[in-house]
Amino acid sequence: MPENLTENAQSKPELIPVTKWNTYYDYPTLGSIRQLIFYNTDNFNDKVLRKIGKRQYIKVSEFFKWVEDTNRKTI
């Protein structure tokens, strides 16, 4: 694997606060993520969100897995 990909993957945390998502990733926007949380689209909350106290975090690996699983359902 190229060095820049491994360095990039290591520099991003596994749990990202919902409000800080766009600090690490450009897409989806914070508004889109909040919509997914509010409507709980395709069990987004159960599969991707982690709550610690009052804060909500997105588990990055589960988010991308959720995206792939959701795309497979629509095909």
N, C-alpha and C. Protein backbone atom coordinates (compact mmCIF):
# COMPACT_ATOMS: atom_id res chain seq x y z
N MET A 1 0.85 -1.18 0.00
CA MET A 1 0.00 0.00 0.00
C MET A 1 0.89 1.24 0.00
N PRO A 2 0.55 2.26 -0.79
CA PRO A 2 1.35 3.48 -0.82
C PRO A 2 1.41 4.13 0.56
N GLU A 3 2.54 4.78 0.82
CA GLU A 3 2.75 5.39 2.13
C GLU A 3 1.72 6.45 2.47
N ASN A 4 1.36 7.29 1.49
CA ASN A 4 0.44 8.39 1.79
C ASN A 4 -0.94 7.89 2.20
N LEU A 5 -1.38 6.73 1.70
CA LEU A 5 -2.68 6.20 2.10
C LEU A 5 -2.64 5.68 3.53
N THR A 6 -1.57 5.02 3.91
CA THR A 6 -1.49 4.51 5.28
C THR A 6 -1.34 5.65 6.27
N GLU A 7 -0.59 6.67 5.92
CA GLU A 7 -0.45 7.83 6.80
C GLU A 7 -1.79 8.53 6.96
N ASN A 8 -2.53 8.69 5.86
CA ASN A 8 -3.81 9.37 5.89
C ASN A 8 -4.81 8.60 6.75
N ALA A 9 -4.84 7.29 6.61
CA ALA A 9 -5.77 6.47 7.38
C ALA A 9 -5.42 6.51 8.87
N GLN A 10 -4.17 6.58 9.19
CA GLN A 10 -3.76 6.60 10.59
C GLN A 10 -4.01 7.95 11.25
N SER A 11 -4.08 9.01 10.48
CA SER A 11 -4.24 10.34 11.06
C SER A 11 -5.70 10.65 11.41
N LYS A 12 -6.65 9.85 10.92
CA LYS A 12 -8.07 10.08 11.20
C LYS A 12 -8.53 9.15 12.31
N PRO A 13 -9.25 9.69 13.29
CA PRO A 13 -9.71 8.85 14.40
C PRO A 13 -10.84 7.92 13.97
N GLU A 14 -11.06 6.87 14.73
CA GLU A 14 -12.14 5.91 14.44
C GLU A 14 -13.50 6.46 14.85
N LEU A 15 -13.55 7.19 15.94
CA LEU A 15 -14.79 7.83 16.38
C LEU A 15 -14.67 9.34 16.19
N ILE A 16 -15.61 9.89 15.44
CA ILE A 16 -15.60 11.33 15.17
C ILE A 16 -16.90 11.92 15.68
N PRO A 17 -16.83 13.00 16.48
CA PRO A 17 -18.07 13.65 16.90
C PRO A 17 -18.85 14.12 15.66
N VAL A 18 -20.16 13.98 15.71
CA VAL A 18 -21.00 14.35 14.56
C VAL A 18 -20.69 15.78 14.12
N THR A 19 -20.52 16.68 15.08
CA THR A 19 -20.29 18.09 14.75
C THR A 19 -18.93 18.34 14.11
N LYS A 20 -18.00 17.40 14.22
CA LYS A 20 -16.65 17.57 13.65
C LYS A 20 -16.44 16.75 12.39
N TRP A 21 -17.48 16.09 11.87
CA TRP A 21 -17.35 15.21 10.71
C TRP A 21 -16.68 15.92 9.53
N ASN A 22 -17.10 17.13 9.22
CA ASN A 22 -16.55 17.84 8.05
C ASN A 22 -15.14 18.34 8.26
N THR A 23 -14.59 18.22 9.45
CA THR A 23 -13.18 18.51 9.67
C THR A 23 -12.33 17.42 9.03
N TYR A 24 -12.84 16.22 9.00
CA TYR A 24 -12.10 15.07 8.48
C TYR A 24 -12.55 14.64 7.09
N TYR A 25 -13.83 14.81 6.79
CA TYR A 25 -14.39 14.39 5.50
C TYR A 25 -15.25 15.50 4.94
N ASP A 26 -15.17 15.72 3.63
CA ASP A 26 -15.96 16.77 2.99
C ASP A 26 -17.41 16.36 2.76
N TYR A 27 -17.61 15.08 2.55
CA TYR A 27 -18.94 14.60 2.22
C TYR A 27 -19.27 13.39 3.05
N PRO A 28 -20.45 13.22 3.51
CA PRO A 28 -21.62 14.09 3.39
C PRO A 28 -21.53 15.29 4.34
N THR A 29 -22.34 16.26 4.05
CA THR A 29 -22.33 17.47 4.87
C THR A 29 -22.95 17.18 6.23
N LEU A 30 -22.72 18.07 7.16
CA LEU A 30 -23.27 17.93 8.50
C LEU A 30 -24.80 17.89 8.46
N GLY A 31 -25.38 18.70 7.61
CA GLY A 31 -26.85 18.70 7.47
C GLY A 31 -27.37 17.36 6.98
N SER A 32 -26.66 16.73 6.06
CA SER A 32 -27.06 15.41 5.56
C SER A 32 -26.96 14.36 6.64
N ILE A 33 -25.92 14.43 7.43
CA ILE A 33 -25.76 13.47 8.52
C ILE A 33 -26.85 13.65 9.56
N ARG A 34 -27.18 14.89 9.87
CA ARG A 34 -28.26 15.14 10.84
C ARG A 34 -29.59 14.63 10.32
N GLN A 35 -29.81 14.72 9.02
CA GLN A 35 -31.03 14.19 8.43
C GLN A 35 -31.07 12.67 8.56
N LEU A 36 -29.94 12.00 8.32
CA LEU A 36 -29.87 10.55 8.48
C LEU A 36 -30.16 10.15 9.92
N ILE A 37 -29.64 10.94 10.87
CA ILE A 37 -29.87 10.65 12.29
C ILE A 37 -31.35 10.87 12.64
N PHE A 38 -31.92 11.97 12.20
CA PHE A 38 -33.30 12.31 12.55
C PHE A 38 -34.28 11.28 12.01
N TYR A 39 -34.12 10.91 10.73
CA TYR A 39 -35.04 9.96 10.11
C TYR A 39 -34.60 8.51 10.30
N ASN A 40 -33.42 8.28 10.86
CA ASN A 40 -32.88 6.94 11.10
C ASN A 40 -32.96 6.08 9.83
N THR A 41 -32.52 6.64 8.74
CA THR A 41 -32.56 5.98 7.45
C THR A 41 -31.76 4.68 7.47
N ASP A 42 -32.41 3.57 7.11
CA ASP A 42 -31.77 2.25 7.04
C ASP A 42 -30.99 1.91 8.30
N ASN A 43 -31.59 2.17 9.46
CA ASN A 43 -30.99 1.88 10.77
C ASN A 43 -29.64 2.57 10.96
N PHE A 44 -29.50 3.76 10.45
CA PHE A 44 -28.26 4.52 10.57
C PHE A 44 -27.83 4.64 12.03
N ASN A 45 -28.76 4.97 12.91
CA ASN A 45 -28.42 5.20 14.32
C ASN A 45 -27.87 3.95 14.98
N ASP A 46 -28.49 2.81 14.72
CA ASP A 46 -28.06 1.55 15.35
C ASP A 46 -26.71 1.09 14.83
N LYS A 47 -26.47 1.27 13.55
CA LYS A 47 -25.27 0.73 12.93
C LYS A 47 -24.06 1.66 13.01
N VAL A 48 -24.28 2.96 12.96
CA VAL A 48 -23.17 3.92 12.78
C VAL A 48 -22.92 4.79 14.01
N LEU A 49 -23.97 5.21 14.70
CA LEU A 49 -23.81 6.15 15.82
C LEU A 49 -23.40 5.46 17.11
N ARG A 50 -22.57 6.15 17.86
CA ARG A 50 -22.20 5.73 19.21
C ARG A 50 -22.42 6.94 20.11
N LYS A 51 -23.07 6.72 21.24
CA LYS A 51 -23.31 7.81 22.19
C LYS A 51 -22.41 7.63 23.39
N ILE A 52 -21.75 8.70 23.75
CA ILE A 52 -20.95 8.76 24.98
C ILE A 52 -21.45 9.99 25.72
N GLY A 53 -22.19 9.75 26.77
CA GLY A 53 -22.84 10.85 27.47
C GLY A 53 -23.90 11.45 26.56
N LYS A 54 -23.84 12.75 26.38
CA LYS A 54 -24.78 13.43 25.50
C LYS A 54 -24.26 13.55 24.07
N ARG A 55 -22.98 13.30 23.89
CA ARG A 55 -22.38 13.48 22.56
C ARG A 55 -22.61 12.28 21.68
N GLN A 56 -22.81 12.55 20.39
CA GLN A 56 -22.97 11.49 19.41
C GLN A 56 -21.73 11.44 18.54
N TYR A 57 -21.24 10.22 18.32
CA TYR A 57 -20.05 9.99 17.51
C TYR A 57 -20.40 9.09 16.35
N ILE A 58 -19.67 9.28 15.26
CA ILE A 58 -19.80 8.40 14.11
C ILE A 58 -18.60 7.48 14.10
N LYS A 59 -18.88 6.18 14.05
CA LYS A 59 -17.80 5.20 13.92
C LYS A 59 -17.48 5.09 12.44
N VAL A 60 -16.31 5.55 12.05
CA VAL A 60 -15.95 5.72 10.64
C VAL A 60 -16.05 4.42 9.86
N SER A 61 -15.48 3.34 10.37
CA SER A 61 -15.50 2.07 9.64
C SER A 61 -16.93 1.59 9.43
N GLU A 62 -17.78 1.77 10.43
CA GLU A 62 -19.18 1.36 10.31
C GLU A 62 -19.95 2.26 9.34
N PHE A 63 -19.57 3.54 9.29
CA PHE A 63 -20.23 4.45 8.35
C PHE A 63 -20.01 4.00 6.91
N PHE A 64 -18.75 3.71 6.56
CA PHE A 64 -18.47 3.31 5.19
C PHE A 64 -19.04 1.92 4.88
N LYS A 65 -19.11 1.06 5.87
CA LYS A 65 -19.76 -0.24 5.69
C LYS A 65 -21.26 -0.03 5.46
N TRP A 66 -21.87 0.87 6.22
CA TRP A 66 -23.29 1.18 6.07
C TRP A 66 -23.57 1.73 4.67
N VAL A 67 -22.69 2.59 4.17
CA VAL A 67 -22.87 3.14 2.82
C VAL A 67 -22.85 2.01 1.79
N GLU A 68 -21.91 1.10 1.90
CA GLU A 68 -21.82 -0.02 0.96
C GLU A 68 -23.05 -0.92 1.06
N ASP A 69 -23.48 -1.24 2.27
CA ASP A 69 -24.65 -2.10 2.45
C ASP A 69 -25.91 -1.44 1.91
N THR A 70 -26.06 -0.15 2.13
CA THR A 70 -27.22 0.59 1.64
C THR A 70 -27.24 0.62 0.12
N ASN A 71 -26.09 0.79 -0.51
CA ASN A 71 -26.00 0.81 -1.96
C ASN A 71 -26.33 -0.55 -2.56
N ARG A 72 -25.97 -1.62 -1.90
CA ARG A 72 -26.26 -2.97 -2.41
C ARG A 72 -27.76 -3.25 -2.41
N LYS A 73 -28.47 -2.69 -1.43
CA LYS A 73 -29.93 -2.91 -1.35
C LYS A 73 -30.67 -2.28 -2.52
N THR A 74 -30.17 -1.15 -3.01
CA THR A 74 -30.89 -0.42 -4.06
C THR A 74 -30.66 -0.99 -5.45
N ILE A 75 -29.65 -1.83 -5.61
CA ILE A 75 -29.34 -2.37 -6.95
C ILE A 75 -30.22 -3.53 -7.27
